């Protein structure tokens, strides 16, 4: 093992990275709080500022993937569509199979310059989570309780608020609603059989109502829907802990530009406005996604041109800025504490380190599949009754 790989695997390095992320994130959240005074005065300025502030947080996560672990990200797509990515608003449909699929989604947002303004449909509980959840609040992220009768009105209002958003954005949506596990897949396919729907081998049944409302509300704002399927080579099972340890993965993302809403050469009817017809359209899309997944497992590639979007330096420069700003006072404080010789002071510092390590492990645990949401298990069981 070379010295760089050894250092990347050391817990002290992980702790310093997390210290930078947590402290910088809380500082940015605090600044975001003060930007609220701009909302009644100049809403668009508020939005532009918060896009940049949010980038300062989310780009640190992307830096870990791109620069720390050195993960390779290859895009398979139509070269004619490639030049439009990042230059138009889009709804991005993503599969939900891996612990770091959200991070890979952010990575491609970064490479096309829409990371700071990217949107998601997220569960309400995340809005209370410091740093990322609070950041999302100021980004006008669409939160839902996963109870459609209660969510519909709120989700529609939040989506309609994005119709005058001043920045290009991608709306990332996991239509399956929860991360894939064998147990959830088995339950999901029982529902498919009960409803007379074709079974899927590699995906859960898509939740169609959220997608239908998203398309309906953003129809005159969004230019395209990108159907995206993520896989990792050599049966890799990537984790956030692996990324933090500097492990290099090889991600392949297949993107089909399945519809254009504003471009006349592909008709609007590709995605029906009627909710039931839109549901049928999405189910058909997931059958096609399943076929592409099957082909990838068989051949190790996708039926499109491989392109590697170039890394941009801004994620690294942003992280170095915060590292220089925050590490100096930390080391100075540590030296002063050691020089003081106070047992109580050193014990307090040790306690903070222990609590920080517990916090770091908790944050990583949020992404782990075996500790994921039971939403797919319980909700589908209820539907079968």
Protein backbone atom coordinates (compact mmCIF):
# COMPACT_ATOMS: atom_id res chain seq x y z
CA UNK A 1 0.00 0.00 0.00
CA UNK A 2 1.42 3.39 -1.00
CA UNK A 3 1.61 6.22 1.52
CA UNK A 4 -1.28 8.19 -0.04
CA UNK A 5 -3.63 5.19 0.08
CA UNK A 6 -2.54 4.52 3.66
CA UNK A 7 -3.31 8.10 4.73
CA UNK A 8 -6.73 8.01 3.04
CA UNK A 9 -7.67 4.98 5.12
CA UNK A 10 -6.78 6.59 8.47
CA UNK A 11 -9.58 7.62 10.80
CA UNK A 12 -7.86 10.91 11.72
CA UNK A 13 -8.09 11.98 8.07
CA UNK A 14 -11.76 11.03 7.98
CA UNK A 15 -12.35 13.02 11.15
CA UNK A 16 -10.66 16.12 9.70
CA UNK A 17 -12.70 15.85 6.48
CA UNK A 18 -15.91 15.53 8.48
CA UNK A 19 -14.87 18.41 10.76
CA UNK A 20 -14.44 20.65 7.71
CA UNK A 21 -17.77 19.52 6.27
CA UNK A 22 -19.74 19.94 9.51
CA UNK A 23 -18.29 23.30 10.58
CA UNK A 24 -18.38 24.83 7.09
CA UNK A 25 -21.89 23.46 6.59
CA UNK A 26 -23.17 25.03 9.81
CA UNK A 27 -21.51 28.34 8.90
CA UNK A 28 -23.21 28.26 5.49
CA UNK A 29 -26.57 27.33 7.05
CA UNK A 30 -26.17 30.34 9.34
CA UNK A 31 -25.46 32.62 6.36
CA UNK A 32 -28.46 31.14 4.53
CA UNK A 33 -30.65 32.09 7.48
CA UNK A 34 -29.72 35.74 6.99
CA UNK A 35 -30.54 35.59 3.27
CA UNK A 36 -34.22 35.22 4.20
CA UNK A 37 -34.41 39.01 4.48
CA UNK A 38 -33.92 39.12 0.68
CA UNK A 39 -36.96 36.96 -0.09
CA UNK A 40 -39.62 39.71 0.13
CA UNK A 41 -37.27 42.25 -1.48
CA UNK A 42 -35.68 40.31 -4.35
CA UNK A 43 -36.68 36.64 -4.53
CA UNK A 44 -34.48 35.88 -7.54
CA UNK A 45 -31.38 37.30 -5.86
CA UNK A 46 -32.17 35.16 -2.80
CA UNK A 47 -32.31 32.10 -5.06
CA UNK A 48 -29.07 32.86 -6.91
CA UNK A 49 -27.17 33.43 -3.65
CA UNK A 50 -28.49 30.21 -2.13
CA UNK A 51 -27.52 28.23 -5.23
CA UNK A 52 -23.90 29.31 -4.62
CA UNK A 53 -24.07 28.69 -0.88
CA UNK A 54 -25.58 25.23 -1.43
CA UNK A 55 -22.79 24.48 -3.89
CA UNK A 56 -20.24 25.14 -1.14
CA UNK A 57 -21.79 22.25 0.83
CA UNK A 58 -22.73 19.67 -1.79
CA UNK A 59 -19.51 20.12 -3.75
CA UNK A 60 -17.54 18.86 -0.72
CA UNK A 61 -19.33 15.51 -1.06
CA UNK A 62 -18.61 15.45 -4.79
CA UNK A 63 -14.95 16.29 -4.06
CA UNK A 64 -14.69 13.07 -2.04
CA UNK A 65 -15.90 11.04 -5.00
CA UNK A 66 -13.96 12.84 -7.73
CA UNK A 67 -10.68 13.82 -6.09
CA UNK A 68 -10.34 11.83 -2.85
CA UNK A 69 -11.42 8.39 -4.08
CA UNK A 70 -10.68 9.12 -7.74
CA UNK A 71 -13.82 7.28 -8.88
CA UNK A 72 -14.14 7.12 -12.66
CA UNK A 73 -17.50 8.26 -14.04
CA UNK A 74 -18.38 7.37 -17.63
CA UNK A 75 -21.51 8.68 -19.33
CA UNK A 76 -23.18 6.67 -22.08
CA UNK A 77 -25.45 8.84 -24.19
CA UNK A 78 -26.30 10.26 -27.59
CA UNK A 79 -23.55 12.73 -28.65
CA UNK A 80 -26.19 14.99 -30.22
CA UNK A 81 -27.93 15.34 -26.85
CA UNK A 82 -24.70 15.69 -24.85
CA UNK A 83 -24.18 19.37 -25.64
CA UNK A 84 -27.62 20.22 -24.19
CA UNK A 85 -26.88 18.81 -20.74
CA UNK A 86 -26.64 21.59 -18.21
CA UNK A 87 -28.08 24.14 -20.64
CA UNK A 88 -31.72 23.22 -20.11
CA UNK A 89 -34.02 22.34 -17.25
CA UNK A 90 -34.60 18.60 -16.99
CA UNK A 91 -36.31 15.91 -14.96
CA UNK A 92 -33.80 13.12 -14.30
CA UNK A 93 -35.19 9.66 -13.52
CA UNK A 94 -32.62 7.63 -11.55
CA UNK A 95 -32.56 4.01 -10.41
CA UNK A 96 -32.06 3.53 -6.67
CA UNK A 97 -29.81 0.49 -6.18
CA UNK A 98 -26.61 1.72 -4.53
CA UNK A 99 -25.59 3.48 -1.33
CA UNK A 100 -23.86 6.27 -3.24
CA UNK A 101 -26.22 6.63 -6.20
CA UNK A 102 -27.20 10.08 -4.87
CA UNK A 103 -23.53 11.05 -4.88
CA UNK A 104 -23.05 9.89 -8.47
CA UNK A 105 -26.12 11.89 -9.44
CA UNK A 106 -24.57 14.96 -7.81
CA UNK A 107 -21.31 14.24 -9.59
CA UNK A 108 -22.91 14.46 -13.02
CA UNK A 109 -24.82 17.57 -11.94
CA UNK A 110 -21.46 19.11 -11.04
CA UNK A 111 -19.83 18.21 -14.35
CA UNK A 112 -22.62 19.96 -16.23
CA UNK A 113 -22.73 22.99 -13.91
CA UNK A 114 -26.12 22.45 -12.22
CA UNK A 115 -25.05 21.07 -8.84
CA UNK A 116 -25.88 24.18 -6.84
CA UNK A 117 -29.38 24.45 -8.30
CA UNK A 118 -30.29 20.74 -8.54
CA UNK A 119 -33.58 19.69 -6.95
CA UNK A 120 -34.92 16.45 -5.49
CA UNK A 121 -38.15 15.00 -4.16
CA UNK A 122 -37.13 14.08 -0.60
CA UNK A 123 -38.81 12.69 2.50
CA UNK A 124 -39.90 15.29 5.04
CA UNK A 125 -37.64 13.93 7.80
CA UNK A 126 -34.56 15.06 5.89
CA UNK A 127 -35.59 18.71 6.17
CA UNK A 128 -34.75 18.56 9.90
CA UNK A 129 -31.26 17.17 9.29
CA UNK A 130 -28.54 19.81 9.89
CA UNK A 131 -26.39 20.97 6.98
CA UNK A 132 -27.83 19.08 3.98
CA UNK A 133 -31.47 19.13 5.11
CA UNK A 134 -31.30 22.78 6.08
CA UNK A 135 -29.44 23.58 2.85
CA UNK A 136 -32.28 21.93 0.91
CA UNK A 137 -34.84 24.04 2.73
CA UNK A 138 -33.26 27.22 1.35
CA UNK A 139 -33.02 25.61 -2.11
CA UNK A 140 -36.80 25.13 -2.13
CA UNK A 141 -36.46 21.36 -2.27
CA UNK A 142 -39.77 19.49 -2.51
CA UNK A 143 -40.33 17.53 0.72
CA UNK A 144 -43.07 14.94 1.17
CA UNK A 145 -44.41 12.74 3.98
CA UNK A 146 -44.95 9.75 1.65
CA UNK A 147 -48.69 9.90 2.31
CA UNK A 148 -50.07 11.01 -1.01
CA UNK A 149 -53.40 12.26 0.31
CA UNK A 150 -51.49 14.71 2.52
CA UNK A 151 -48.63 15.37 0.09
CA UNK A 152 -50.41 16.14 -3.16
CA UNK A 153 -51.33 19.77 -2.48
CA UNK A 154 -47.99 20.61 -0.85
CA UNK A 155 -45.93 18.93 -3.57
CA UNK A 156 -47.87 20.67 -6.34
CA UNK A 157 -47.43 24.07 -4.71
CA UNK A 158 -43.68 23.54 -4.24
CA UNK A 159 -43.28 22.43 -7.86
CA UNK A 160 -45.29 25.36 -9.18
CA UNK A 161 -43.01 27.71 -7.22
CA UNK A 162 -40.11 26.50 -9.39
CA UNK A 163 -41.71 27.74 -12.60
CA UNK A 164 -39.87 31.07 -12.39
CA UNK A 165 -36.57 29.70 -11.03
CA UNK A 166 -33.71 31.86 -12.40
CA UNK A 167 -31.08 29.09 -12.76
CA UNK A 168 -31.00 26.00 -14.96
CA UNK A 169 -31.80 23.01 -12.76
CA UNK A 170 -32.13 19.25 -12.88
CA UNK A 171 -34.95 17.72 -10.86
CA UNK A 172 -33.61 14.35 -9.67
CA UNK A 173 -36.29 11.80 -8.88
CA UNK A 174 -36.09 8.18 -7.72
CA UNK A 175 -39.48 6.94 -8.90
CA UNK A 176 -39.11 3.68 -6.97
CA UNK A 177 -39.43 5.75 -3.79
CA UNK A 178 -36.95 3.71 -1.78
CA UNK A 179 -33.64 1.92 -2.29
CA UNK A 180 -33.68 -1.55 -3.86
CA UNK A 181 -33.29 -4.57 -1.57
CA UNK A 182 -34.20 -8.18 -2.23
CA UNK A 183 -36.94 -8.06 0.40
CA UNK A 184 -38.50 -4.90 -1.05
CA UNK A 185 -38.21 -6.33 -4.56
CA UNK A 186 -40.05 -9.50 -3.57
CA UNK A 187 -42.89 -7.51 -2.00
CA UNK A 188 -42.99 -5.11 -4.95
CA UNK A 189 -43.33 -7.96 -7.45
CA UNK A 190 -46.17 -9.45 -5.40
CA UNK A 191 -47.95 -6.10 -5.86
CA UNK A 192 -47.15 -6.20 -9.59
CA UNK A 193 -48.71 -9.65 -9.86
CA UNK A 194 -51.79 -8.55 -7.93
CA UNK A 195 -52.25 -5.52 -10.20
CA UNK A 196 -51.51 -7.38 -13.42
CA UNK A 197 -48.36 -5.39 -14.15
CA UNK A 198 -45.27 -6.87 -15.84
CA UNK A 199 -42.66 -7.94 -13.31
CA UNK A 200 -39.24 -6.30 -13.12
CA UNK A 201 -36.00 -8.13 -12.37
CA UNK A 202 -33.76 -5.26 -11.31
CA UNK A 203 -36.09 -2.49 -10.17
CA UNK A 204 -39.00 -1.92 -7.82
CA UNK A 205 -42.33 -0.81 -9.25
CA UNK A 206 -42.20 2.96 -9.85
CA UNK A 207 -44.36 5.28 -7.76
CA UNK A 208 -46.23 7.01 -10.55
CA UNK A 209 -48.22 9.74 -8.80
CA UNK A 210 -45.24 11.88 -7.80
CA UNK A 211 -43.78 11.65 -11.30
CA UNK A 212 -47.09 12.51 -12.96
CA UNK A 213 -47.54 15.61 -10.79
CA UNK A 214 -43.92 16.65 -11.38
CA UNK A 215 -44.36 16.48 -15.16
CA UNK A 216 -47.71 18.26 -14.94
CA UNK A 217 -46.40 21.15 -12.83
CA UNK A 218 -43.09 21.61 -14.69
CA UNK A 219 -44.39 20.96 -18.21
CA UNK A 220 -43.74 24.47 -19.51
CA UNK A 221 -40.49 24.85 -17.55
CA UNK A 222 -38.64 21.60 -18.15
CA UNK A 223 -37.22 20.92 -21.61
CA UNK A 224 -36.51 17.22 -21.30
CA UNK A 225 -36.75 14.07 -19.25
CA UNK A 226 -33.51 12.08 -18.94
CA UNK A 227 -33.93 8.39 -18.18
CA UNK A 228 -30.76 7.50 -16.27
CA UNK A 229 -29.53 4.06 -15.23
CA UNK A 230 -26.47 3.75 -12.98
CA UNK A 231 -24.24 0.69 -12.59
CA UNK A 232 -20.75 -0.09 -11.31
CA UNK A 233 -18.25 -2.27 -13.11
CA UNK A 234 -16.97 -5.64 -11.91
CA UNK A 235 -19.95 -6.11 -9.57
CA UNK A 236 -18.61 -3.37 -7.30
CA UNK A 237 -20.72 -2.59 -4.25
CA UNK A 238 -19.79 1.03 -3.51
CA UNK A 239 -20.35 2.59 -0.10
CA UNK A 240 -19.82 6.04 1.34
CA UNK A 241 -17.39 4.51 3.84
CA UNK A 242 -15.44 3.07 0.91
CA UNK A 243 -15.30 6.51 -0.73
CA UNK A 244 -14.11 8.01 2.56
CA UNK A 245 -11.39 5.34 2.69
CA UNK A 246 -10.23 6.46 -0.76
CA UNK A 247 -11.47 3.36 -2.59
CA UNK A 248 -11.75 3.91 -6.33
CA UNK A 249 -14.92 2.78 -8.10
CA UNK A 250 -15.96 2.73 -11.75
CA UNK A 251 -19.41 4.19 -12.38
CA UNK A 252 -21.29 3.88 -15.67
CA UNK A 253 -24.37 6.05 -16.25
CA UNK A 254 -26.64 5.49 -19.23
CA UNK A 255 -28.77 8.51 -20.14
CA UNK A 256 -31.56 8.45 -22.66
CA UNK A 257 -33.11 11.77 -23.59
CA UNK A 258 -36.55 10.25 -23.84
CA UNK A 259 -38.69 13.32 -24.36
CA UNK A 260 -38.42 16.97 -25.28
CA UNK A 261 -41.22 19.18 -24.15
CA UNK A 262 -40.28 22.43 -25.85
CA UNK A 263 -38.40 21.10 -28.86
CA UNK A 264 -40.90 20.37 -31.66
CA UNK A 265 -39.05 17.49 -33.33
CA UNK A 266 -40.29 15.09 -30.60
CA UNK A 267 -44.00 15.43 -29.73
CA UNK A 268 -45.30 16.39 -26.32
CA UNK A 269 -47.56 13.32 -26.28
CA UNK A 270 -44.56 11.17 -25.39
CA UNK A 271 -45.46 11.84 -21.76
CA UNK A 272 -49.26 11.94 -21.44
CA UNK A 273 -50.91 14.59 -19.31
CA UNK A 274 -53.58 12.23 -18.02
CA UNK A 275 -52.45 10.68 -14.73
CA UNK A 276 -53.40 7.10 -15.62
CA UNK A 277 -51.80 7.30 -19.06
CA UNK A 278 -48.70 8.86 -17.52
CA UNK A 279 -48.60 5.96 -15.05
CA UNK A 280 -48.73 3.46 -17.92
CA UNK A 281 -45.97 5.38 -19.72
CA UNK A 282 -43.73 5.24 -16.65
CA UNK A 283 -44.30 1.52 -16.14
CA UNK A 284 -43.30 0.95 -19.77
CA UNK A 285 -40.18 3.06 -19.22
CA UNK A 286 -39.17 0.88 -16.27
CA UNK A 287 -39.61 -2.26 -18.36
CA UNK A 288 -37.14 -0.73 -20.81
CA UNK A 289 -34.80 0.21 -17.94
CA UNK A 290 -34.92 -3.41 -16.82
CA UNK A 291 -33.91 -4.55 -20.32
CA UNK A 292 -30.95 -2.12 -20.36
CA UNK A 293 -29.90 -3.40 -16.94
CA UNK A 294 -30.04 -6.95 -18.23
CA UNK A 295 -27.85 -6.01 -21.18
CA UNK A 296 -25.33 -4.29 -18.91
CA UNK A 297 -25.00 -7.37 -16.71
CA UNK A 298 -24.55 -9.49 -19.81
CA UNK A 299 -22.11 -7.30 -21.78
CA UNK A 300 -20.67 -4.85 -19.24
CA UNK A 301 -21.63 -1.87 -21.38
CA UNK A 302 -24.56 0.20 -22.61
CA UNK A 303 -25.82 0.69 -26.21
CA UNK A 304 -24.52 4.24 -26.54
CA UNK A 305 -21.33 6.24 -27.01
CA UNK A 306 -19.14 6.38 -23.86
CA UNK A 307 -18.13 9.91 -22.88
CA UNK A 308 -16.14 11.01 -19.83
CA UNK A 309 -17.25 14.55 -18.90
CA UNK A 310 -14.18 16.46 -17.67
CA UNK A 311 -13.74 17.15 -13.98
CA UNK A 312 -14.02 20.79 -13.02
CA UNK A 313 -11.58 22.18 -10.42
CA UNK A 314 -14.20 24.06 -8.38
CA UNK A 315 -15.08 21.21 -5.99
CA UNK A 316 -11.43 20.81 -5.01
CA UNK A 317 -10.79 24.56 -4.76
CA UNK A 318 -13.89 25.02 -2.60
CA UNK A 319 -12.76 22.26 -0.23
CA UNK A 320 -9.20 23.64 -0.02
CA UNK A 321 -10.60 27.07 0.85
CA UNK A 322 -12.60 25.70 3.78
CA UNK A 323 -9.73 23.45 4.87
CA UNK A 324 -7.31 26.39 5.07
CA UNK A 325 -9.90 28.51 6.83
CA UNK A 326 -10.90 25.94 9.48
CA UNK A 327 -7.87 23.73 10.13
CA UNK A 328 -5.57 26.52 11.34
CA UNK A 329 -7.77 27.53 14.33
CA UNK A 330 -8.34 23.83 15.13
CA UNK A 331 -4.62 23.04 15.29
CA UNK A 332 -3.93 26.23 17.22
CA UNK A 333 -6.61 25.30 19.76
CA UNK A 334 -5.21 21.78 20.06
CA UNK A 335 -1.67 23.06 20.71
CA UNK A 336 -2.94 25.48 23.35
CA UNK A 337 -4.87 22.70 25.06
CA UNK A 338 -1.83 20.42 25.15
CA UNK A 339 0.37 23.22 26.48
CA UNK A 340 -2.14 24.00 29.23
CA UNK A 341 -1.61 20.56 30.76
CA UNK A 342 -5.13 20.61 32.21
CA UNK A 343 -6.59 17.11 32.60
CA UNK A 344 -10.13 18.47 32.42
CA UNK A 345 -9.39 20.31 29.18
CA UNK A 346 -7.81 17.25 27.57
CA UNK A 347 -10.68 15.04 28.78
CA UNK A 348 -13.18 17.48 27.30
CA UNK A 349 -11.33 17.45 23.99
CA UNK A 350 -11.28 13.64 24.00
CA UNK A 351 -15.04 13.63 24.67
CA UNK A 352 -15.63 15.95 21.71
CA UNK A 353 -13.55 13.63 19.49
CA UNK A 354 -15.57 10.60 20.59
CA UNK A 355 -18.87 12.41 19.98
CA UNK A 356 -17.63 13.61 16.59
CA UNK A 357 -16.70 10.06 15.59
CA UNK A 358 -20.17 8.85 16.65
CA UNK A 359 -21.73 11.65 14.61
CA UNK A 360 -19.63 10.78 11.57
CA UNK A 361 -20.64 7.13 11.81
CA UNK A 362 -24.29 8.13 12.12
CA UNK A 363 -24.12 10.32 9.01
CA UNK A 364 -22.51 7.48 7.04
CA UNK A 365 -25.12 5.06 8.39
CA UNK A 366 -27.90 7.15 6.84
CA UNK A 367 -26.70 6.03 3.39
CA UNK A 368 -26.30 2.34 4.20
CA UNK A 369 -28.74 -0.01 2.48
CA UNK A 370 -29.22 -2.28 5.49
CA UNK A 371 -30.29 0.75 7.55
CA UNK A 372 -32.46 2.27 4.87
CA UNK A 373 -36.12 3.16 4.91
CA UNK A 374 -38.75 0.46 5.49
CA UNK A 375 -41.07 2.43 3.23
CA UNK A 376 -41.00 -0.15 0.45
CA UNK A 377 -41.65 -3.00 2.89
CA UNK A 378 -44.54 -1.64 4.93
CA UNK A 379 -46.31 0.43 2.29
CA UNK A 380 -46.49 -2.31 -0.31
CA UNK A 381 -47.72 -4.81 2.30
CA UNK A 382 -50.57 -2.46 3.12
CA UNK A 383 -51.50 -2.16 -0.55
CA UNK A 384 -51.83 -5.91 -0.81
CA UNK A 385 -54.38 -6.10 2.03
